[in-house]
Amino acid sequence: MTCNMVQAVIDLGELQNTIVNIVKAKYGFKNKSQAVNKLIEDNFDQYFELRPDFLKKLKKIDKEPGIPFSSMKELRELIEKA
């Protein structure tokens, strides 16, 4: 899987810059971009909570048995038969 990168110029306050530098050092990142990405990934759930009814649907789906397949060709055949 390839990941398209977007470049952004951002202004950080002194405290925010210090936090990014701490995360960069803690995880041994090569640059601040990696540290900012880590901060965003780790805090994603805090800003994007899933609705309870949607979580209930996901849990129900998770309990359903899967359909085994061994290749993309086999999966396509199963889908076409459905």
PDB file of N, CA and C in Angstrom:
ATOM      1  N   MET A   1       0.851  -1.176   0.000  1.00  0.00           N
ATOM      2  CA  MET A   1       0.000   0.000   0.000  1.00  0.00           C
ATOM      3  C   MET A   1       0.895   1.236   0.000  1.00  0.00           C
ATOM      4  N   THR A   2       0.632   2.137  -0.921  1.00  0.00           N
ATOM      5  CA  THR A   2       1.396   3.372  -0.959  1.00  0.00           C
ATOM      6  C   THR A   2       0.643   4.447  -0.194  1.00  0.00           C
ATOM      7  N   CYS A   3       1.391   5.345   0.365  1.00  0.00           N
ATOM      8  CA  CYS A   3       0.797   6.419   1.151  1.00  0.00           C
ATOM      9  C   CYS A   3       1.170   7.744   0.498  1.00  0.00           C
ATOM     10  N   ASN A   4       0.168   8.486   0.054  1.00  0.00           N
ATOM     11  CA  ASN A   4       0.419   9.787  -0.535  1.00  0.00           C
ATOM     12  C   ASN A   4       0.694  10.791   0.569  1.00  0.00           C
ATOM     13  N   MET A   5       1.779  11.499   0.438  1.00  0.00           N
ATOM     14  CA  MET A   5       2.145  12.490   1.442  1.00  0.00           C
ATOM     15  C   MET A   5       1.742  13.878   0.971  1.00  0.00           C
ATOM     16  N   VAL A   6       1.259  14.656   1.908  1.00  0.00           N
ATOM     17  CA  VAL A   6       0.899  16.036   1.651  1.00  0.00           C
ATOM     18  C   VAL A   6       1.832  16.902   2.475  1.00  0.00           C
ATOM     19  N   GLN A   7       2.404  17.898   1.859  1.00  0.00           N
ATOM     20  CA  GLN A   7       3.277  18.797   2.592  1.00  0.00           C
ATOM     21  C   GLN A   7       2.479  19.981   3.100  1.00  0.00           C
ATOM     22  N   ALA A   8       2.801  20.399   4.329  1.00  0.00           N
ATOM     23  CA  ALA A   8       2.118  21.541   4.921  1.00  0.00           C
ATOM     24  C   ALA A   8       3.140  22.354   5.717  1.00  0.00           C
ATOM     25  N   VAL A   9       3.014  23.643   5.606  1.00  0.00           N
ATOM     26  CA  VAL A   9       3.840  24.540   6.412  1.00  0.00           C
ATOM     27  C   VAL A   9       2.978  24.951   7.592  1.00  0.00           C
ATOM     28  N   ILE A  10       3.473  24.677   8.815  1.00  0.00           N
ATOM     29  CA  ILE A  10       2.686  25.023   9.996  1.00  0.00           C
ATOM     30  C   ILE A  10       3.527  25.872  10.943  1.00  0.00           C
ATOM     31  N   ASP A  11       2.846  26.726  11.681  1.00  0.00           N
ATOM     32  CA  ASP A  11       3.497  27.533  12.702  1.00  0.00           C
ATOM     33  C   ASP A  11       3.192  26.906  14.056  1.00  0.00           C
ATOM     34  N   LEU A  12       4.245  26.598  14.811  1.00  0.00           N
ATOM     35  CA  LEU A  12       4.082  26.024  16.135  1.00  0.00           C
ATOM     36  C   LEU A  12       4.500  27.040  17.182  1.00  0.00           C
ATOM     37  N   GLY A  13       3.761  27.041  18.273  1.00  0.00           N
ATOM     38  CA  GLY A  13       4.179  27.847  19.404  1.00  0.00           C
ATOM     39  C   GLY A  13       5.378  27.178  20.071  1.00  0.00           C
ATOM     40  N   GLU A  14       5.989  27.865  21.002  1.00  0.00           N
ATOM     41  CA  GLU A  14       7.176  27.335  21.668  1.00  0.00           C
ATOM     42  C   GLU A  14       6.868  26.025  22.397  1.00  0.00           C
ATOM     43  N   LEU A  15       5.755  25.973  23.118  1.00  0.00           N
ATOM     44  CA  LEU A  15       5.376  24.762  23.843  1.00  0.00           C
ATOM     45  C   LEU A  15       5.103  23.612  22.873  1.00  0.00           C
ATOM     46  N   GLN A  16       4.346  23.881  21.813  1.00  0.00           N
ATOM     47  CA  GLN A  16       4.018  22.840  20.844  1.00  0.00           C
ATOM     48  C   GLN A  16       5.271  22.315  20.158  1.00  0.00           C
ATOM     49  N   ASN A  17       6.195  23.206  19.845  1.00  0.00           N
ATOM     50  CA  ASN A  17       7.455  22.804  19.232  1.00  0.00           C
ATOM     51  C   ASN A  17       8.258  21.897  20.177  1.00  0.00           C
ATOM     52  N   THR A  18       8.248  22.236  21.470  1.00  0.00           N
ATOM     53  CA  THR A  18       8.939  21.421  22.467  1.00  0.00           C
ATOM     54  C   THR A  18       8.314  20.030  22.543  1.00  0.00           C
ATOM     55  N   ILE A  19       6.983  19.976  22.533  1.00  0.00           N
ATOM     56  CA  ILE A  19       6.284  18.685  22.577  1.00  0.00           C
ATOM     57  C   ILE A  19       6.654  17.837  21.365  1.00  0.00           C
ATOM     58  N   VAL A  20       6.645  18.437  20.184  1.00  0.00           N
ATOM     59  CA  VAL A  20       7.008  17.706  18.966  1.00  0.00           C
ATOM     60  C   VAL A  20       8.443  17.200  19.066  1.00  0.00           C
ATOM     61  N   ASN A  21       9.352  18.022  19.577  1.00  0.00           N
ATOM     62  CA  ASN A  21      10.747  17.600  19.736  1.00  0.00           C
ATOM     63  C   ASN A  21      10.885  16.454  20.735  1.00  0.00           C
ATOM     64  N   ILE A  22      10.094  16.473  21.802  1.00  0.00           N
ATOM     65  CA  ILE A  22      10.127  15.395  22.794  1.00  0.00           C
ATOM     66  C   ILE A  22       9.645  14.087  22.168  1.00  0.00           C
ATOM     67  N   VAL A  23       8.549  14.153  21.427  1.00  0.00           N
ATOM     68  CA  VAL A  23       8.025  12.952  20.756  1.00  0.00           C
ATOM     69  C   VAL A  23       9.037  12.443  19.738  1.00  0.00           C
ATOM     70  N   LYS A  24       9.644  13.350  19.007  1.00  0.00           N
ATOM     71  CA  LYS A  24      10.670  12.986  18.018  1.00  0.00           C
ATOM     72  C   LYS A  24      11.812  12.232  18.687  1.00  0.00           C
ATOM     73  N   ALA A  25      12.280  12.743  19.815  1.00  0.00           N
ATOM     74  CA  ALA A  25      13.392  12.103  20.532  1.00  0.00           C
ATOM     75  C   ALA A  25      12.968  10.781  21.163  1.00  0.00           C
ATOM     76  N   LYS A  26      11.794  10.755  21.763  1.00  0.00           N
ATOM     77  CA  LYS A  26      11.314   9.563  22.459  1.00  0.00           C
ATOM     78  C   LYS A  26      11.229   8.359  21.526  1.00  0.00           C
ATOM     79  N   TYR A  27      10.728   8.578  20.307  1.00  0.00           N
ATOM     80  CA  TYR A  27      10.533   7.481  19.369  1.00  0.00           C
ATOM     81  C   TYR A  27      11.677   7.350  18.362  1.00  0.00           C
ATOM     82  N   GLY A  28      12.664   8.213  18.472  1.00  0.00           N
ATOM     83  CA  GLY A  28      13.810   8.131  17.576  1.00  0.00           C
ATOM     84  C   GLY A  28      13.480   8.475  16.133  1.00  0.00           C
ATOM     85  N   PHE A  29      12.517   9.362  15.942  1.00  0.00           N
ATOM     86  CA  PHE A  29      12.142   9.757  14.590  1.00  0.00           C
ATOM     87  C   PHE A  29      13.232  10.596  13.957  1.00  0.00           C
ATOM     88  N   LYS A  30      13.297  10.549  12.628  1.00  0.00           N
ATOM     89  CA  LYS A  30      14.309  11.306  11.893  1.00  0.00           C
ATOM     90  C   LYS A  30      13.929  12.770  11.716  1.00  0.00           C
ATOM     91  N   ASN A  31      12.609  13.035  11.734  1.00  0.00           N
ATOM     92  CA  ASN A  31      12.184  14.417  11.510  1.00  0.00           C
ATOM     93  C   ASN A  31      10.905  14.729  12.288  1.00  0.00           C
ATOM     94  N   LYS A  32      10.557  15.996  12.317  1.00  0.00           N
ATOM     95  CA  LYS A  32       9.376  16.434  13.057  1.00  0.00           C
ATOM     96  C   LYS A  32       8.084  15.958  12.409  1.00  0.00           C
ATOM     97  N   SER A  33       8.110  15.743  11.106  1.00  0.00           N
ATOM     98  CA  SER A  33       6.903  15.260  10.424  1.00  0.00           C
ATOM     99  C   SER A  33       6.456  13.919  10.997  1.00  0.00           C
ATOM    100  N   GLN A  34       7.418  13.034  11.247  1.00  0.00           N
ATOM    101  CA  GLN A  34       7.084  11.734  11.826  1.00  0.00           C
ATOM    102  C   GLN A  34       6.496  11.908  13.227  1.00  0.00           C
ATOM    103  N   ALA A  35       7.028  12.845  13.989  1.00  0.00           N
ATOM    104  CA  ALA A  35       6.522  13.105  15.338  1.00  0.00           C
ATOM    105  C   ALA A  35       5.103  13.672  15.291  1.00  0.00           C
ATOM    106  N   VAL A  36       4.856  14.596  14.387  1.00  0.00           N
ATOM    107  CA  VAL A  36       3.510  15.168  14.250  1.00  0.00           C
ATOM    108  C   VAL A  36       2.523  14.079  13.829  1.00  0.00           C
ATOM    109  N   ASN A  37       2.915  13.217  12.893  1.00  0.00           N
ATOM    110  CA  ASN A  37       2.039  12.118  12.473  1.00  0.00           C
ATOM    111  C   ASN A  37       1.722  11.203  13.648  1.00  0.00           C
ATOM    112  N   LYS A  38       2.703  10.889  14.475  1.00  0.00           N
ATOM    113  CA  LYS A  38       2.500  10.045  15.659  1.00  0.00           C
ATOM    114  C   LYS A  38       1.512  10.699  16.621  1.00  0.00           C
ATOM    115  N   LEU A  39       1.684  11.981  16.874  1.00  0.00           N
ATOM    116  CA  LEU A  39       0.768  12.697  17.764  1.00  0.00           C
ATOM    117  C   LEU A  39      -0.663  12.659  17.236  1.00  0.00           C
ATOM    118  N   ILE A  40      -0.819  12.844  15.936  1.00  0.00           N
ATOM    119  CA  ILE A  40      -2.159  12.829  15.333  1.00  0.00           C
ATOM    120  C   ILE A  40      -2.773  11.442  15.432  1.00  0.00           C
ATOM    121  N   GLU A  41      -2.006  10.417  15.083  1.00  0.00           N
ATOM    122  CA  GLU A  41      -2.521   9.048  15.139  1.00  0.00           C
ATOM    123  C   GLU A  41      -2.923   8.662  16.559  1.00  0.00           C
ATOM    124  N   ASP A  42      -2.099   9.011  17.530  1.00  0.00           N
ATOM    125  CA  ASP A  42      -2.373   8.632  18.913  1.00  0.00           C
ATOM    126  C   ASP A  42      -3.576   9.364  19.498  1.00  0.00           C
ATOM    127  N   ASN A  43      -3.921  10.514  18.958  1.00  0.00           N
ATOM    128  CA  ASN A  43      -5.005  11.315  19.511  1.00  0.00           C
ATOM    129  C   ASN A  43      -6.234  11.376  18.624  1.00  0.00           C
ATOM    130  N   PHE A  44      -6.260  10.596  17.554  1.00  0.00           N
ATOM    131  CA  PHE A  44      -7.373  10.605  16.610  1.00  0.00           C
ATOM    132  C   PHE A  44      -8.704  10.339  17.301  1.00  0.00           C
ATOM    133  N   ASP A  45      -8.743   9.294  18.140  1.00  0.00           N
ATOM    134  CA  ASP A  45      -9.991   8.896  18.790  1.00  0.00           C
ATOM    135  C   ASP A  45     -10.570   9.992  19.682  1.00  0.00           C
ATOM    136  N   GLN A  46      -9.723  10.811  20.225  1.00  0.00           N
ATOM    137  CA  GLN A  46     -10.173  11.875  21.117  1.00  0.00           C
ATOM    138  C   GLN A  46     -11.053  12.881  20.376  1.00  0.00           C
ATOM    139  N   TYR A  47     -10.823  13.062  19.096  1.00  0.00           N
ATOM    140  CA  TYR A  47     -11.548  14.078  18.331  1.00  0.00           C
ATOM    141  C   TYR A  47     -12.629  13.495  17.428  1.00  0.00           C
ATOM    142  N   PHE A  48     -12.538  12.200  17.156  1.00  0.00           N
ATOM    143  CA  PHE A  48     -13.500  11.566  16.264  1.00  0.00           C
ATOM    144  C   PHE A  48     -14.103  10.346  16.936  1.00  0.00           C
ATOM    145  N   GLU A  49     -15.065  10.595  17.806  1.00  0.00           N
ATOM    146  CA  GLU A  49     -15.723   9.502  18.502  1.00  0.00           C
ATOM    147  C   GLU A  49     -16.816   8.926  17.617  1.00  0.00           C
ATOM    148  N   LEU A  50     -16.929   7.606  17.635  1.00  0.00           N
ATOM    149  CA  LEU A  50     -17.967   6.942  16.864  1.00  0.00           C
ATOM    150  C   LEU A  50     -19.269   6.946  17.657  1.00  0.00           C
ATOM    151  N   ARG A  51     -20.376   7.102  16.955  1.00  0.00           N
ATOM    152  CA  ARG A  51     -21.682   7.096  17.608  1.00  0.00           C
ATOM    153  C   ARG A  51     -21.947   5.711  18.206  1.00  0.00           C
ATOM    154  N   PRO A  52     -22.616   5.663  19.358  1.00  0.00           N
ATOM    155  CA  PRO A  52     -22.893   4.373  20.006  1.00  0.00           C
ATOM    156  C   PRO A  52     -23.639   3.385  19.110  1.00  0.00           C
ATOM    157  N   ASP A  53     -24.599   3.872  18.309  1.00  0.00           N
ATOM    158  CA  ASP A  53     -25.342   2.960  17.432  1.00  0.00           C
ATOM    159  C   ASP A  53     -24.440   2.378  16.349  1.00  0.00           C
ATOM    160  N   PHE A  54     -23.483   3.159  15.882  1.00  0.00           N
ATOM    161  CA  PHE A  54     -22.545   2.661  14.882  1.00  0.00           C
ATOM    162  C   PHE A  54     -21.602   1.632  15.502  1.00  0.00           C
ATOM    163  N   LEU A  55     -21.139   1.894  16.742  1.00  0.00           N
ATOM    164  CA  LEU A  55     -20.287   0.928  17.441  1.00  0.00           C
ATOM    165  C   LEU A  55     -21.023  -0.391  17.644  1.00  0.00           C
ATOM    166  N   LYS A  56     -22.312  -0.310  17.966  1.00  0.00           N
ATOM    167  CA  LYS A  56     -23.117  -1.519  18.155  1.00  0.00           C
ATOM    168  C   LYS A  56     -23.176  -2.324  16.852  1.00  0.00           C
ATOM    169  N   LYS A  57     -23.356  -1.636  15.722  1.00  0.00           N
ATOM    170  CA  LYS A  57     -23.385  -2.319  14.425  1.00  0.00           C
ATOM    171  C   LYS A  57     -22.040  -2.980  14.128  1.00  0.00           C
ATOM    172  N   LEU A  58     -20.952  -2.275  14.430  1.00  0.00           N
ATOM    173  CA  LEU A  58     -19.624  -2.840  14.190  1.00  0.00           C
ATOM    174  C   LEU A  58     -19.388  -4.092  15.026  1.00  0.00           C
ATOM    175  N   LYS A  59     -19.821  -4.061  16.294  1.00  0.00           N
ATOM    176  CA  LYS A  59     -19.659  -5.225  17.162  1.00  0.00           C
ATOM    177  C   LYS A  59     -20.468  -6.404  16.647  1.00  0.00           C
ATOM    178  N   LYS A  60     -21.675  -6.130  16.133  1.00  0.00           N
ATOM    179  CA  LYS A  60     -22.520  -7.187  15.578  1.00  0.00           C
ATOM    180  C   LYS A  60     -21.853  -7.795  14.345  1.00  0.00           C
ATOM    181  N   ILE A  61     -21.331  -6.953  13.473  1.00  0.00           N
ATOM    182  CA  ILE A  61     -20.652  -7.427  12.270  1.00  0.00           C
ATOM    183  C   ILE A  61     -19.423  -8.240  12.631  1.00  0.00           C
ATOM    184  N   ASP A  62     -18.713  -7.799  13.656  1.00  0.00           N
ATOM    185  CA  ASP A  62     -17.485  -8.478  14.081  1.00  0.00           C
ATOM    186  C   ASP A  62     -17.764  -9.899  14.562  1.00  0.00           C
ATOM    187  N   LYS A  63     -18.956 -10.144  15.101  1.00  0.00           N
ATOM    188  CA  LYS A  63     -19.323 -11.467  15.598  1.00  0.00           C
ATOM    189  C   LYS A  63     -19.746 -12.417  14.477  1.00  0.00           C
ATOM    190  N   GLU A  64     -20.098 -11.875  13.304  1.00  0.00           N
ATOM    191  CA  GLU A  64     -20.546 -12.708  12.191  1.00  0.00           C
ATOM    192  C   GLU A  64     -19.381 -13.527  11.638  1.00  0.00           C
ATOM    193  N   PRO A  65     -19.675 -14.768  11.234  1.00  0.00           N
ATOM    194  CA  PRO A  65     -18.597 -15.586  10.668  1.00  0.00           C
ATOM    195  C   PRO A  65     -18.158 -15.027   9.311  1.00  0.00           C
ATOM    196  N   GLY A  66     -16.891 -15.127   9.033  1.00  0.00           N
ATOM    197  CA  GLY A  66     -16.367 -14.648   7.759  1.00  0.00           C
ATOM    198  C   GLY A  66     -16.530 -15.701   6.676  1.00  0.00           C
ATOM    199  N   ILE A  67     -16.257 -15.314   5.463  1.00  0.00           N
ATOM    200  CA  ILE A  67     -16.297 -16.234   4.333  1.00  0.00           C
ATOM    201  C   ILE A  67     -14.856 -16.511   3.932  1.00  0.00           C
ATOM    202  N   PRO A  68     -14.405 -17.742   4.128  1.00  0.00           N
ATOM    203  CA  PRO A  68     -13.007 -18.045   3.797  1.00  0.00           C
ATOM    204  C   PRO A  68     -12.757 -18.061   2.288  1.00  0.00           C
ATOM    205  N   PHE A  69     -11.609 -17.558   1.884  1.00  0.00           N
ATOM    206  CA  PHE A  69     -11.176 -17.618   0.488  1.00  0.00           C
ATOM    207  C   PHE A  69      -9.657 -17.633   0.478  1.00  0.00           C
ATOM    208  N   SER A  70      -9.103 -18.224  -0.587  1.00  0.00           N
ATOM    209  CA  SER A  70      -7.646 -18.374  -0.618  1.00  0.00           C
ATOM    210  C   SER A  70      -6.976 -17.507  -1.680  1.00  0.00           C
ATOM    211  N   SER A  71      -7.782 -16.869  -2.524  1.00  0.00           N
ATOM    212  CA  SER A  71      -7.200 -16.010  -3.549  1.00  0.00           C
ATOM    213  C   SER A  71      -8.220 -14.953  -3.952  1.00  0.00           C
ATOM    214  N   MET A  72      -7.737 -13.919  -4.614  1.00  0.00           N
ATOM    215  CA  MET A  72      -8.646 -12.868  -5.096  1.00  0.00           C
ATOM    216  C   MET A  72      -9.610 -13.443  -6.139  1.00  0.00           C
ATOM    217  N   LYS A  73      -9.132 -14.373  -6.923  1.00  0.00           N
ATOM    218  CA  LYS A  73      -9.989 -15.015  -7.933  1.00  0.00           C
ATOM    219  C   LYS A  73     -11.146 -15.730  -7.253  1.00  0.00           C
ATOM    220  N   GLU A  74     -10.835 -16.475  -6.200  1.00  0.00           N
ATOM    221  CA  GLU A  74     -11.879 -17.193  -5.466  1.00  0.00           C
ATOM    222  C   GLU A  74     -12.859 -16.212  -4.828  1.00  0.00           C
ATOM    223  N   LEU A  75     -12.362 -15.111  -4.286  1.00  0.00           N
ATOM    224  CA  LEU A  75     -13.232 -14.100  -3.690  1.00  0.00           C
ATOM    225  C   LEU A  75     -14.165 -13.510  -4.740  1.00  0.00           C
ATOM    226  N   ARG A  76     -13.626 -13.192  -5.909  1.00  0.00           N
ATOM    227  CA  ARG A  76     -14.472 -12.650  -6.990  1.00  0.00           C
ATOM    228  C   ARG A  76     -15.581 -13.625  -7.349  1.00  0.00           C
ATOM    229  N   GLU A  77     -15.227 -14.913  -7.443  1.00  0.00           N
ATOM    230  CA  GLU A  77     -16.236 -15.938  -7.775  1.00  0.00           C
ATOM    231  C   GLU A  77     -17.327 -15.991  -6.703  1.00  0.00           C
ATOM    232  N   LEU A  78     -16.911 -15.934  -5.439  1.00  0.00           N
ATOM    233  CA  LEU A  78     -17.903 -15.950  -4.353  1.00  0.00           C
ATOM    234  C   LEU A  78     -18.825 -14.740  -4.422  1.00  0.00           C
ATOM    235  N   ILE A  79     -18.272 -13.582  -4.722  1.00  0.00           N
ATOM    236  CA  ILE A  79     -19.074 -12.358  -4.824  1.00  0.00           C
ATOM    237  C   ILE A  79     -20.038 -12.439  -5.993  1.00  0.00           C
ATOM    238  N   GLU A  80     -19.566 -12.931  -7.118  1.00  0.00           N
ATOM    239  CA  GLU A  80     -20.421 -13.026  -8.306  1.00  0.00           C
ATOM    240  C   GLU A  80     -21.558 -13.999  -8.106  1.00  0.00           C
ATOM    241  N   LYS A  81     -21.373 -15.048  -7.299  1.00  0.00           N
ATOM    242  CA  LYS A  81     -22.418 -16.035  -7.035  1.00  0.00           C
ATOM    243  C   LYS A  81     -23.471 -15.488  -6.094  1.00  0.00           C
ATOM    244  N   ALA A  82     -23.120 -14.522  -5.270  1.00  0.00           N
ATOM    245  CA  ALA A  82     -24.056 -14.004  -4.249  1.00  0.00           C
ATOM    246  C   ALA A  82     -25.185 -13.224  -4.857  1.00  0.00           C
TER     247      ALA A  82
END
